[in-house]
Each structure stands twice: as structure tokens, then as C-alpha cells.
């Protein structure tokens, strides 16, 4: 597996984790407050991974 494929796989996992955490946040208001920072940071990580993938794909 190439580095680019690993990055894409990592992004898929981040996106999946975000989906799960958003579902939990919708079901539980008390947990939503606690999950807010985690979701934010995972979104940022996803954006950074996406940028890396774009850079690597254009080489």
C-alpha cells in the first residue's frame, strides 16, 4: 500500500469517526457538549489530511 493510500484510508477513518460522534451528539445533549471539541479537532485533522492527499496526488 502506498503512502497516499494510507492517507486516504486515514481520512476515511476520521470521516467515519465524525459520523459516529455526530450521531451520539444528536442523541445526547449532555454528551454533545463534551464531544464538541473532539468533533472540531477531528474536522481539522480531516482538513489537514485532505490537503496532504491533494498535494501528494498532484505530484
N, C-alpha and C. Protein backbone atom coordinates (compact mmCIF):
# COMPACT_ATOMS: atom_id res chain seq x y z
N UNK A 1 0.85 -1.18 0.00
CA UNK A 1 0.00 0.00 0.00
C UNK A 1 0.89 1.24 0.00
N UNK A 2 0.57 2.20 -0.83
CA UNK A 2 1.38 3.41 -0.92
C UNK A 2 1.03 4.38 0.22
N UNK A 3 1.90 5.37 0.40
CA UNK A 3 1.64 6.38 1.43
C UNK A 3 0.34 7.11 1.16
N UNK A 4 0.08 7.41 -0.11
CA UNK A 4 -1.15 8.10 -0.49
C UNK A 4 -2.38 7.27 -0.12
N UNK A 5 -2.30 5.98 -0.35
CA UNK A 5 -3.41 5.10 0.01
C UNK A 5 -3.62 5.05 1.52
N UNK A 6 -2.52 5.06 2.28
CA UNK A 6 -2.64 5.11 3.74
C UNK A 6 -3.29 6.41 4.19
N UNK A 7 -2.91 7.52 3.58
CA UNK A 7 -3.51 8.81 3.93
C UNK A 7 -5.01 8.81 3.64
N UNK A 8 -5.38 8.25 2.50
CA UNK A 8 -6.81 8.18 2.14
C UNK A 8 -7.57 7.29 3.12
N UNK A 9 -6.95 6.20 3.51
CA UNK A 9 -7.59 5.31 4.49
C UNK A 9 -7.76 6.02 5.83
N UNK A 10 -6.74 6.75 6.24
CA UNK A 10 -6.82 7.51 7.50
C UNK A 10 -7.95 8.53 7.43
N UNK A 11 -8.08 9.21 6.30
CA UNK A 11 -9.16 10.19 6.13
C UNK A 11 -10.52 9.50 6.21
N UNK A 12 -10.63 8.34 5.62
CA UNK A 12 -11.89 7.58 5.70
C UNK A 12 -12.25 7.27 7.15
N UNK A 13 -11.24 6.90 7.94
CA UNK A 13 -11.48 6.58 9.35
C UNK A 13 -11.88 7.83 10.13
N UNK A 14 -11.25 8.94 9.85
CA UNK A 14 -11.61 10.20 10.52
C UNK A 14 -13.06 10.56 10.18
N UNK A 15 -13.42 10.46 8.90
CA UNK A 15 -14.79 10.77 8.49
C UNK A 15 -15.79 9.84 9.17
N UNK A 16 -15.44 8.57 9.27
CA UNK A 16 -16.32 7.60 9.92
C UNK A 16 -16.48 7.94 11.41
N UNK A 17 -15.38 8.27 12.06
CA UNK A 17 -15.43 8.64 13.48
C UNK A 17 -16.30 9.89 13.67
N UNK A 18 -16.17 10.85 12.77
CA UNK A 18 -17.01 12.05 12.86
C UNK A 18 -18.49 11.71 12.73
N UNK A 19 -18.81 10.84 11.80
CA UNK A 19 -20.21 10.43 11.63
C UNK A 19 -20.76 9.81 12.91
N UNK A 20 -19.98 8.94 13.51
CA UNK A 20 -20.42 8.27 14.74
C UNK A 20 -20.59 9.27 15.88
N UNK A 21 -19.61 10.14 16.05
CA UNK A 21 -19.68 11.11 17.15
C UNK A 21 -20.83 12.10 16.96
N UNK A 22 -21.12 12.48 15.73
CA UNK A 22 -22.26 13.37 15.48
C UNK A 22 -23.58 12.67 15.81
N UNK A 23 -23.67 11.38 15.53
CA UNK A 23 -24.88 10.62 15.89
C UNK A 23 -25.05 10.60 17.40
N UNK A 24 -23.96 10.36 18.11
CA UNK A 24 -24.02 10.34 19.57
C UNK A 24 -24.43 11.72 20.09
N UNK A 25 -23.86 12.77 19.52
CA UNK A 25 -24.17 14.13 19.96
C UNK A 25 -25.64 14.47 19.72
N UNK A 26 -26.20 13.98 18.63
CA UNK A 26 -27.63 14.23 18.35
C UNK A 26 -28.53 13.51 19.35
N UNK A 27 -28.09 12.36 19.82
CA UNK A 27 -28.92 11.57 20.74
C UNK A 27 -28.79 12.04 22.20
N UNK A 28 -27.66 12.63 22.54
CA UNK A 28 -27.42 13.01 23.93
C UNK A 28 -26.90 14.44 24.01
N UNK A 29 -27.75 15.33 24.52
CA UNK A 29 -27.36 16.74 24.64
C UNK A 29 -26.19 16.90 25.62
N UNK A 30 -26.19 16.13 26.69
CA UNK A 30 -25.10 16.27 27.66
C UNK A 30 -23.78 15.82 27.05
N UNK A 31 -23.81 14.76 26.26
CA UNK A 31 -22.58 14.31 25.61
C UNK A 31 -22.18 15.26 24.48
N UNK A 32 -23.15 15.90 23.86
CA UNK A 32 -22.85 16.82 22.75
C UNK A 32 -21.89 17.91 23.19
N UNK A 33 -22.12 18.44 24.38
CA UNK A 33 -21.23 19.48 24.88
C UNK A 33 -19.80 18.97 25.05
N UNK A 34 -19.67 17.76 25.55
CA UNK A 34 -18.34 17.17 25.74
C UNK A 34 -17.68 16.81 24.41
N UNK A 35 -18.49 16.40 23.44
CA UNK A 35 -17.95 15.96 22.15
C UNK A 35 -17.61 17.12 21.21
N UNK A 36 -18.09 18.30 21.52
CA UNK A 36 -17.90 19.45 20.62
C UNK A 36 -16.43 19.67 20.27
N UNK A 37 -15.55 19.69 21.26
CA UNK A 37 -14.12 19.91 20.99
C UNK A 37 -13.51 18.75 20.21
N UNK A 38 -13.90 17.55 20.53
CA UNK A 38 -13.36 16.38 19.82
C UNK A 38 -13.77 16.43 18.36
N UNK A 39 -15.03 16.74 18.11
CA UNK A 39 -15.51 16.83 16.73
C UNK A 39 -14.77 17.93 15.98
N UNK A 40 -14.59 19.07 16.63
CA UNK A 40 -13.87 20.17 15.99
C UNK A 40 -12.45 19.74 15.58
N UNK A 41 -11.74 19.11 16.49
CA UNK A 41 -10.36 18.72 16.20
C UNK A 41 -10.28 17.62 15.15
N UNK A 42 -11.23 16.72 15.15
CA UNK A 42 -11.26 15.70 14.10
C UNK A 42 -11.55 16.33 12.74
N UNK A 43 -12.42 17.33 12.72
CA UNK A 43 -12.68 18.04 11.46
C UNK A 43 -11.41 18.72 10.95
N UNK A 44 -10.68 19.33 11.86
CA UNK A 44 -9.41 19.97 11.49
C UNK A 44 -8.41 18.94 10.97
N UNK A 45 -8.33 17.80 11.65
CA UNK A 45 -7.43 16.73 11.20
C UNK A 45 -7.84 16.24 9.82
N UNK A 46 -9.13 16.10 9.59
CA UNK A 46 -9.61 15.69 8.28
C UNK A 46 -9.24 16.68 7.20
N UNK A 47 -9.37 17.97 7.50
CA UNK A 47 -8.99 19.01 6.53
C UNK A 47 -7.50 18.94 6.21
N UNK A 48 -6.68 18.73 7.23
CA UNK A 48 -5.23 18.63 7.01
C UNK A 48 -4.88 17.40 6.19
N UNK A 49 -5.51 16.29 6.49
CA UNK A 49 -5.28 15.07 5.70
C UNK A 49 -5.70 15.28 4.26
N UNK A 50 -6.85 15.92 4.06
CA UNK A 50 -7.33 16.18 2.71
C UNK A 50 -6.34 17.05 1.94
N UNK A 51 -5.77 18.04 2.60
CA UNK A 51 -4.75 18.90 1.96
C UNK A 51 -3.51 18.09 1.59
N UNK A 52 -3.08 17.22 2.49
CA UNK A 52 -1.92 16.38 2.21
C UNK A 52 -2.19 15.47 1.02
N UNK A 53 -3.37 14.89 0.98
CA UNK A 53 -3.74 14.00 -0.11
C UNK A 53 -3.74 14.75 -1.43
N UNK A 54 -4.28 15.96 -1.42
CA UNK A 54 -4.30 16.77 -2.64
C UNK A 54 -2.89 17.08 -3.12
N UNK A 55 -2.02 17.45 -2.17
CA UNK A 55 -0.63 17.76 -2.54
C UNK A 55 0.07 16.54 -3.10
N UNK A 56 -0.10 15.40 -2.44
CA UNK A 56 0.56 14.17 -2.89
C UNK A 56 0.01 13.69 -4.22
N UNK A 57 -1.28 13.89 -4.45
CA UNK A 57 -1.91 13.46 -5.70
C UNK A 57 -1.43 14.27 -6.89
N UNK A 58 -1.05 15.52 -6.63
CA UNK A 58 -0.65 16.40 -7.73
C UNK A 58 0.83 16.28 -8.09
N UNK A 59 1.56 15.44 -7.38
CA UNK A 59 3.00 15.27 -7.67
C UNK A 59 3.20 14.42 -8.90
